Protein backbone atom coordinates (compact mmCIF):
# COMPACT_ATOMS: atom_id res chain seq x y z
CA MET A 1 0.30 0.10 -0.32
CA PHE A 2 1.32 3.13 -1.05
CA ASN A 3 1.01 5.20 2.55
CA ILE A 4 1.49 8.93 3.47
CA PRO A 5 2.68 10.14 6.25
CA GLN A 6 0.48 13.11 8.27
CA TYR A 7 3.33 15.21 7.79
CA ILE A 8 3.77 15.14 4.05
CA GLY A 9 1.95 18.18 2.05
CA PRO A 10 0.72 18.41 -1.17
CA MET A 11 2.81 16.38 -3.92
CA ALA A 12 3.01 15.52 -7.47
CA PHE A 13 4.26 12.28 -8.97
CA GLY A 14 4.70 11.50 -13.18
CA ILE A 15 3.32 8.64 -13.75
CA LYS A 16 4.23 6.68 -17.50
CA MET A 17 2.45 5.60 -20.23
CA GLY A 18 3.27 3.34 -23.16
CA VAL A 19 2.75 5.04 -26.47
CA ILE A 20 -0.26 6.85 -27.69
CA LEU A 21 -0.72 6.33 -31.36
CA PRO A 22 -3.55 7.90 -33.29
CA GLY A 23 -7.06 6.57 -33.29
CA THR A 24 -6.16 5.35 -29.55
CA SER A 25 -8.99 5.52 -26.90
CA ILE A 26 -7.26 7.64 -24.35
CA VAL A 27 -9.95 7.06 -21.57
CA GLU A 28 -9.66 3.43 -21.63
CA GLU A 29 -5.76 3.48 -21.87
CA ILE A 30 -5.55 6.16 -19.33
CA PHE A 31 -7.97 3.92 -16.94
CA LYS A 32 -5.86 1.05 -17.17
CA THR A 33 -2.58 3.31 -15.60
CA LEU A 34 -5.25 4.05 -12.97
CA GLN A 35 -6.47 0.88 -12.38
CA GLN A 36 -2.49 -0.29 -11.76
CA GLY A 37 -2.08 2.63 -9.63
CA ASN A 38 -5.37 2.00 -7.63
CA GLN A 39 -4.43 -1.39 -7.05
CA ASP A 40 -1.00 0.10 -5.46
CA GLY A 41 -3.07 2.65 -3.20
CA LEU A 42 -1.72 5.58 -5.25
CA LEU A 43 -5.13 7.14 -5.90
CA GLY A 44 -7.11 8.42 -3.19
CA ASP A 45 -10.28 10.49 -3.38
CA GLY A 46 -9.98 14.33 -4.30
CA ASP A 47 -6.69 13.88 -6.33
CA VAL A 48 -6.14 15.56 -9.44
CA LEU A 49 -5.27 13.99 -12.25
CA CYS A 50 -3.60 15.87 -15.26
CA ILE A 51 -3.02 14.69 -18.65
CA THR A 52 -0.87 16.83 -20.95
CA GLU A 53 -2.64 17.54 -24.52
CA SER A 54 -0.15 16.13 -26.62
CA VAL A 55 -1.37 12.73 -26.43
CA VAL A 56 -4.83 13.68 -26.03
CA ALA A 57 -4.70 14.90 -29.51
CA ARG A 58 -2.98 12.50 -30.79
CA SER A 59 -5.55 9.61 -29.87
CA GLN A 60 -8.22 11.80 -31.96
CA THR A 61 -5.89 11.98 -35.01
CA ASN A 62 -6.10 15.94 -34.76
CA TYR A 63 -3.26 16.28 -37.65
CA VAL A 64 -3.36 18.89 -40.54
CA THR A 65 -0.89 19.01 -43.44
CA VAL A 66 0.79 22.76 -44.15
CA ASP A 67 -1.63 22.24 -47.66
CA GLU A 68 -4.76 22.20 -45.82
CA VAL A 69 -3.51 25.37 -43.84
CA SER A 70 -2.60 27.06 -46.71
CA ARG A 71 -6.33 26.28 -48.31
CA GLN A 72 -7.74 27.29 -45.27
CA ILE A 73 -6.09 30.37 -45.42
CA LYS A 74 -7.34 31.29 -49.01
CA GLU A 75 -10.39 30.55 -48.70
CA LYS A 76 -11.29 32.65 -45.42
CA LEU A 77 -9.42 35.60 -46.70
CA SER A 78 -10.88 34.79 -50.11
CA LEU A 79 -6.98 35.54 -51.09
CA GLN A 80 -5.84 35.68 -54.92
CA ASP A 81 -2.34 34.27 -55.65
CA THR A 82 -1.08 37.53 -56.25
CA ASP A 83 -2.29 39.10 -52.87
CA ARG A 84 -0.15 40.63 -49.97
CA VAL A 85 -1.73 39.13 -46.30
CA SER A 86 -0.13 41.10 -43.39
CA VAL A 87 0.33 38.79 -40.07
CA VAL A 88 0.49 40.85 -37.47
CA PHE A 89 2.86 39.80 -33.95
CA PRO A 90 3.66 35.98 -34.10
CA ILE A 91 5.46 34.84 -31.72
CA ALA A 92 9.31 33.80 -32.53
CA SER A 93 9.13 30.01 -32.92
CA ARG A 94 10.43 27.32 -34.71
CA ASN A 95 8.05 24.95 -33.44
CA ARG A 96 4.71 26.78 -33.30
CA PHE A 97 4.38 29.21 -35.83
CA SER A 98 7.11 28.19 -39.11
CA LEU A 99 4.93 25.81 -40.62
CA ILE A 100 2.18 27.95 -40.13
CA LEU A 101 4.04 31.16 -41.86
CA LYS A 102 4.81 28.29 -44.78
CA GLY A 103 0.85 27.67 -45.04
CA ILE A 104 0.21 31.62 -45.16
CA ALA A 105 2.94 31.94 -47.19
CA LEU A 106 1.46 29.18 -49.95
CA ALA A 107 -1.56 31.02 -50.19
CA VAL A 108 -0.08 33.97 -51.83
CA PRO A 109 2.58 31.35 -54.19
CA ARG A 110 2.91 35.10 -56.16
CA GLY A 111 2.19 37.46 -54.24
CA GLU A 112 3.56 39.19 -50.92
CA VAL A 113 4.11 38.14 -47.04
CA ALA A 114 4.59 41.11 -44.78
CA VAL A 115 5.09 40.56 -40.91
CA GLN A 116 5.36 42.59 -38.59
CA LEU A 117 7.20 41.90 -35.41
CA SER A 118 6.87 43.25 -32.03
CA PHE A 119 10.26 44.13 -30.33
CA PRO A 120 12.62 43.68 -28.83
CA ARG A 121 10.41 40.79 -27.92
CA ASP A 122 7.10 38.59 -28.98
CA GLU A 123 4.37 38.45 -26.54
CA VAL A 124 5.72 35.49 -24.91
CA GLY A 125 9.37 37.17 -24.04
CA ASN A 126 11.09 35.55 -27.18
CA GLN A 127 13.86 37.87 -27.60
CA ILE A 128 13.60 38.97 -31.12
CA ILE A 129 16.52 41.88 -31.01
CA SER A 130 19.05 43.00 -28.55
CA PRO A 131 17.02 45.71 -26.07
CA GLU A 132 20.37 47.91 -26.06
CA PHE A 133 19.71 48.28 -29.67
CA CYS A 134 16.56 49.80 -29.87
CA GLU A 135 15.90 51.83 -26.52
CA ASP A 136 14.98 55.32 -28.41
CA LYS A 137 13.13 53.16 -31.82
CA MET A 138 10.28 51.38 -29.55
CA ASP A 139 7.57 53.65 -31.59
CA LYS A 140 9.47 52.78 -35.06
CA LEU A 141 8.83 50.64 -38.12
CA LEU A 142 12.73 48.81 -38.50
CA ARG A 143 13.10 46.78 -41.25
CA GLU A 144 15.67 44.16 -41.66
CA ASN A 145 18.49 46.12 -43.10
CA GLU A 146 18.25 48.52 -41.00
CA VAL A 147 19.36 46.10 -38.07
CA GLN A 148 22.23 44.62 -39.26
CA GLU A 149 24.27 46.20 -36.72
CA ALA A 150 21.94 44.59 -33.83
CA ASP A 151 22.14 41.16 -32.02
CA LEU A 152 19.28 39.63 -33.98
CA ASN A 153 20.14 36.51 -32.70
CA HIS A 154 17.54 34.69 -29.76
CA PRO A 155 19.47 34.16 -26.32
CA VAL A 156 18.77 30.58 -25.65
CA THR A 157 17.89 29.19 -29.45
CA LYS A 158 20.36 31.55 -31.49
CA VAL A 159 18.34 31.73 -34.01
CA ASN A 160 17.74 35.06 -35.91
CA TYR A 161 13.77 35.05 -36.35
CA LEU A 162 13.27 37.80 -39.27
CA GLU A 163 15.91 35.90 -41.68
CA LEU A 164 14.40 32.39 -40.37
CA TYR A 165 10.68 33.89 -41.27
CA ARG A 166 12.03 36.13 -44.34
CA LYS A 167 13.77 32.56 -46.04
CA ILE A 168 9.92 30.42 -44.97
CA ILE A 169 8.01 32.92 -47.06
CA GLU A 170 10.13 33.22 -50.25
CA GLU A 171 10.97 29.27 -50.38
CA THR A 172 7.24 29.36 -51.28
CA GLY A 173 7.97 31.92 -54.40
CA ALA A 174 6.56 34.42 -52.44
CA LYS A 175 8.15 38.30 -51.24
CA ALA A 176 8.41 38.62 -48.04
CA ASN A 177 8.79 41.70 -46.10
CA VAL A 178 9.90 40.62 -42.35
CA TYR A 179 9.98 44.18 -40.36
CA LEU A 180 9.81 45.41 -36.44
CA SER A 181 7.21 47.79 -35.16
CA ASN A 182 5.17 47.63 -32.10
CA GLN A 183 2.47 49.75 -33.98
CA LEU A 184 -0.39 48.78 -35.81
CA GLU A 185 -0.92 51.63 -38.08
CA HIS A 186 2.16 50.15 -39.93
CA VAL A 187 -0.24 47.38 -40.80
CA PHE A 188 -2.23 49.92 -42.52
CA GLU A 189 0.50 51.30 -44.71
CA MET A 190 0.95 47.86 -46.24
CA ASN A 191 -2.30 47.79 -47.98
CA PRO A 192 -3.37 44.00 -47.56
CA GLN A 193 -6.03 42.67 -48.94
CA GLY A 194 -6.15 40.03 -45.92
CA VAL A 195 -4.54 40.42 -41.97
CA ILE A 196 -3.64 37.82 -40.04
CA ALA A 197 -3.57 38.36 -36.00
CA ALA A 198 -1.31 35.99 -35.22
CA ASP A 199 -0.76 36.89 -30.98
CA ILE A 200 -1.76 34.44 -28.49
CA HIS A 201 -3.03 36.06 -25.70
CA THR A 202 -4.14 39.36 -27.15
CA ARG A 203 -5.65 38.57 -30.54
CA GLU A 204 -9.14 39.86 -29.99
CA LYS A 205 -7.67 43.37 -29.06
CA THR A 206 -5.20 43.46 -31.80
CA ARG A 207 -8.19 41.80 -34.26
CA ALA A 208 -10.58 44.69 -32.86
CA LYS A 209 -8.60 47.93 -33.44
CA LEU A 210 -7.23 46.48 -37.27
CA SER A 211 -10.42 45.57 -38.08
CA ARG A 212 -11.53 49.28 -38.22
CA LYS A 213 -9.88 49.88 -41.26
CA ILE A 214 -9.43 46.37 -42.74
CA PRO A 215 -12.54 44.31 -42.26
CA ASN A 216 -11.40 41.05 -43.61
CA CYS A 217 -8.93 39.75 -40.40
CA ILE A 218 -8.69 37.04 -38.51
CA THR A 219 -6.99 35.30 -35.86
CA LEU A 220 -5.13 32.23 -35.64
CA GLN A 221 -8.00 30.42 -33.66
CA ASP A 222 -9.91 30.89 -36.76
CA ILE A 223 -8.20 28.67 -39.17
CA CYS A 224 -8.41 25.07 -38.56
CA ASN A 225 -11.40 25.05 -36.03
CA GLN A 226 -13.67 22.60 -38.32
CA GLY A 227 -13.10 19.73 -40.71
CA GLU A 228 -12.18 16.51 -40.34
CA ALA A 229 -9.22 17.20 -37.79
CA TRP A 230 -10.37 20.48 -35.98
CA SER A 231 -9.60 22.70 -32.59
CA GLU A 232 -12.22 24.56 -31.25
CA TRP A 233 -8.89 26.68 -30.98
CA GLY A 234 -7.97 26.57 -34.63
CA LEU A 235 -4.30 26.76 -34.59
CA LEU A 236 -3.72 27.98 -31.55
CA GLY A 237 -1.60 25.60 -29.52
CA SER A 238 -0.82 23.72 -32.53
CA ASN A 239 2.57 22.32 -32.30
CA LEU A 240 4.95 21.26 -35.48
CA SER A 241 4.66 17.14 -36.10
CA SER A 242 6.02 15.38 -38.72
CA ASN A 243 5.96 15.59 -42.96
CA GLU A 244 4.99 18.92 -42.84
CA LYS A 245 1.98 18.62 -40.34
CA LEU A 246 0.92 20.28 -37.32
CA LYS A 247 -0.49 18.49 -34.32
CA LEU A 248 -3.82 20.98 -33.11
CA ALA A 249 -4.66 21.67 -30.08
CA PRO A 250 -7.08 18.67 -28.62
CA ARG A 251 -10.66 19.51 -29.49
CA ASN A 252 -14.13 18.82 -26.83
CA GLY A 253 -11.46 18.21 -23.89
CA GLU A 254 -14.65 18.56 -21.73
CA ASP A 255 -15.96 15.54 -23.19
CA THR A 256 -12.82 13.49 -22.18
CA VAL A 257 -12.30 14.54 -18.44
CA ASN A 258 -15.90 14.10 -18.14
CA LYS A 259 -15.75 10.94 -18.94
CA LEU A 260 -12.73 9.70 -17.38
CA GLN A 261 -14.08 11.34 -14.09
CA GLN A 262 -17.05 9.19 -14.45
CA LYS A 263 -15.26 5.82 -15.01
CA VAL A 264 -12.85 6.20 -12.07
CA ARG A 265 -16.06 6.84 -9.66
CA GLU A 266 -18.12 3.79 -10.74
CA GLU A 267 -15.53 1.43 -11.31
CA LEU A 268 -12.99 2.34 -8.92
CA GLY A 269 -15.18 4.14 -6.50
CA LYS A 270 -12.72 7.22 -6.04
CA ASN A 271 -13.82 11.09 -6.91
CA ILE A 272 -10.99 12.54 -8.40
CA GLU A 273 -10.95 15.67 -10.59
CA VAL A 274 -9.04 15.66 -14.08
CA LEU A 275 -7.95 18.12 -16.49
CA ILE A 276 -5.98 18.21 -19.72
CA TYR A 277 -2.93 21.09 -19.69
CA GLY A 278 -0.83 22.58 -21.83
CA ASP A 279 2.08 25.35 -21.39
CA GLY A 280 2.09 26.02 -17.64
CA ALA A 281 1.81 29.67 -16.74
CA TYR A 282 5.89 30.40 -15.78
CA LYS A 283 8.10 32.90 -16.45
CA ASP A 284 11.62 32.55 -16.42
CA PRO A 285 13.76 34.75 -14.63
CA SER A 286 16.67 34.03 -16.29
CA SER A 287 15.87 34.41 -20.19
CA GLY A 288 12.31 36.24 -19.35
CA ILE A 289 11.05 33.73 -21.64
CA TYR A 290 6.96 33.32 -20.17
CA GLU A 291 6.50 29.44 -21.64
CA LEU A 292 2.36 29.83 -22.07
CA ALA A 293 2.30 29.80 -26.06
CA ASP A 294 -0.83 27.99 -25.79
CA PRO A 295 -4.02 29.66 -25.59
CA ARG A 296 -4.36 28.67 -21.63
CA PRO A 297 -2.67 26.76 -18.86
CA VAL A 298 -5.70 24.58 -19.19
CA PHE A 299 -7.55 23.55 -22.14
CA ALA A 300 -10.30 21.33 -20.64
CA SER A 301 -11.12 20.44 -16.49
CA THR A 302 -13.18 19.09 -14.71
CA ASN A 303 -15.83 21.37 -12.45
CA GLY A 304 -14.52 20.72 -9.55
CA LEU A 305 -11.32 22.39 -10.07
CA GLY A 306 -13.50 26.15 -11.56
CA SER A 307 -12.41 28.11 -8.57
CA LEU A 308 -9.32 30.30 -6.60
CA ARG A 309 -6.63 29.18 -4.55
CA GLU A 310 -7.50 30.95 -1.66
CA GLY A 311 -5.80 31.11 1.69
CA ILE A 312 -4.02 32.57 4.89
CA LYS A 313 -0.57 33.74 5.26
CA TYR A 314 1.05 31.10 7.53
CA LYS A 315 4.09 33.20 7.83
CA TYR A 316 2.29 36.31 8.35
CA LEU A 317 0.44 34.81 10.96
CA ALA A 318 2.82 33.32 12.67
CA ASP A 319 5.19 36.07 13.25
CA GLN A 320 1.82 37.75 14.73
CA TYR A 321 1.31 35.90 17.47
CA HIS A 322 4.42 34.83 18.51
CA GLN A 323 4.82 38.67 19.22
CA SER A 324 1.54 38.47 21.47
CA GLY A 325 2.90 35.79 23.30
CA LYS A 326 1.52 32.76 21.66
CA THR A 327 3.06 28.89 21.85
CA ALA A 328 4.41 27.12 19.17
CA GLN A 329 1.37 24.22 20.05
CA GLU A 330 -1.26 27.34 20.55
CA ILE A 331 -0.01 29.06 17.12
CA GLU A 332 -0.62 25.88 15.41
CA ALA A 333 -4.17 25.24 16.61
CA ILE A 334 -5.09 28.82 15.75
CA LEU A 335 -3.68 27.94 12.10
CA GLU A 336 -5.48 24.76 11.82
CA LYS A 337 -8.71 26.48 12.95
CA LYS A 338 -8.72 29.64 10.45
CA LYS A 339 -7.84 27.09 7.61
CA LYS A 340 -11.27 25.79 7.63
CA GLU A 341 -12.71 29.39 8.12
CA ALA A 342 -13.57 31.45 5.07
CA VAL A 343 -11.47 34.13 3.90
CA VAL A 344 -12.62 37.61 3.38
CA GLN A 345 -9.65 38.58 0.60
CA ASP A 346 -8.90 41.71 2.67
CA SER A 347 -8.66 40.59 5.66
CA ILE A 348 -5.63 41.21 7.55
CA GLU A 349 -5.19 37.00 7.55
CA ALA A 350 -5.31 37.01 3.77
CA GLU A 351 -2.35 39.24 3.62
CA GLY A 352 0.06 39.46 0.94
CA THR A 353 -1.70 36.02 -0.81
CA THR A 354 -3.14 36.59 -4.27
CA PRO A 355 -6.05 34.30 -5.20
CA ARG A 356 -5.16 32.51 -8.45
CA PRO A 357 -7.60 30.19 -10.58
CA LEU A 358 -6.80 26.41 -9.03
CA GLU A 359 -6.59 24.79 -12.52
CA ASP A 360 -3.64 27.40 -13.70
CA ILE A 361 -1.67 26.83 -10.77
CA LEU A 362 -2.42 22.56 -11.19
CA ALA A 363 -1.35 23.12 -14.81
CA SER A 364 1.65 25.22 -14.35
CA LEU A 365 3.29 22.16 -11.69
CA ALA A 366 2.02 19.20 -14.16
CA ASP A 367 3.90 20.77 -16.84
CA LEU A 368 7.11 21.31 -14.78
CA ILE A 369 6.67 17.79 -13.63
CA SER A 370 6.77 16.15 -16.96
CA GLY A 371 8.98 18.95 -19.12
CA SER A 372 9.10 20.24 -22.09
CA SER A 373 11.94 17.64 -22.97
CA ASP A 374 9.20 15.19 -22.51
CA GLU A 375 9.91 12.36 -19.61
CA GLY A 376 7.59 10.21 -20.81
CA THR A 377 5.14 10.79 -17.88
CA PRO A 378 2.05 12.16 -19.95
CA LEU A 379 0.33 12.01 -16.70
CA VAL A 380 1.07 13.77 -13.59
CA LEU A 381 -1.14 12.71 -10.37
CA VAL A 382 -1.46 15.62 -7.74
CA LYS A 383 -2.53 14.82 -4.12
CA GLY A 384 -3.09 16.39 -1.22
CA PHE A 385 -3.37 20.04 -3.07
CA ASN A 386 -6.14 21.71 -1.30
CA LYS A 387 -8.11 24.98 -2.48
CA GLN A 388 -5.99 26.51 0.77
């Protein structure tokens, strides 16, 4: 049996599974793993099972080719081969955006693709140009030939994204115009026949501003959100796969998590919560990169996770009660009692705490454990993680 001492707090375990292939019943495969965990005494009431989005999408055969991406872009923006399309604020990523950009360029093979990159960083913190070079240029439009003296290499990957994106476009036969600007009015100067707001978290604000002058404007969420392979997130959350394919984010995730929760309750007698996670909401203090290239940390979750994690400030209260002459035993008793009481956020007991969505914290924890390098643990089981 898996016995946890009373003095152990919240903990999370990466759980290994076999390879999940397209067409696999993801609910059944995960349930088999949980059956083993239940036999070993690992599974308990109140546990949270976190499933990485990649295995869910793979089981759904949720892949699209670059040609399909191109076809949908051409259709949704009503583009001709010789048209100009502007792409606004994409992130700097080979994995997340390079194949999408190729699909955009293939939609106008005898036209032009104008890519406007924000600077000095994209919206998730990837450095595109050395900040020192552009300190006094933040409101300007900077073309590629005007920034050659700057460091254009990503500090981690060493990729020059202006050069990479230009080459991707030119290889399709289209003309490339890749430039740096933080001002949306520069898009209007390009006179495009269609615009794609390619940012992730601010996409609707960007689209709203662009649409005032260019109604023919879509976001990445509007592409591949219907058809044989699709996701309600469109191309948001997609990843480079193989053979000119993109793996989309999982679709109808609520159906998966609810079915699994019900099956565990009915067949194993355990009440657990389930979520499907993508990138964790974590900012690297060294590189400044904010990992959240997915539209959100959680693609789907069961109903028990739709709340904020709130609580009391232990260290603050311990200091206060100690100063008033309480013993360690008395302080512990008071804190245990307060844990069970409703927390008023502007009360002194909550001083210094910030309520955060419970599911986002769990997803970020799971992502840190499973890791971008993929440790072969597509499941993360979290135990003892209370709302306070």
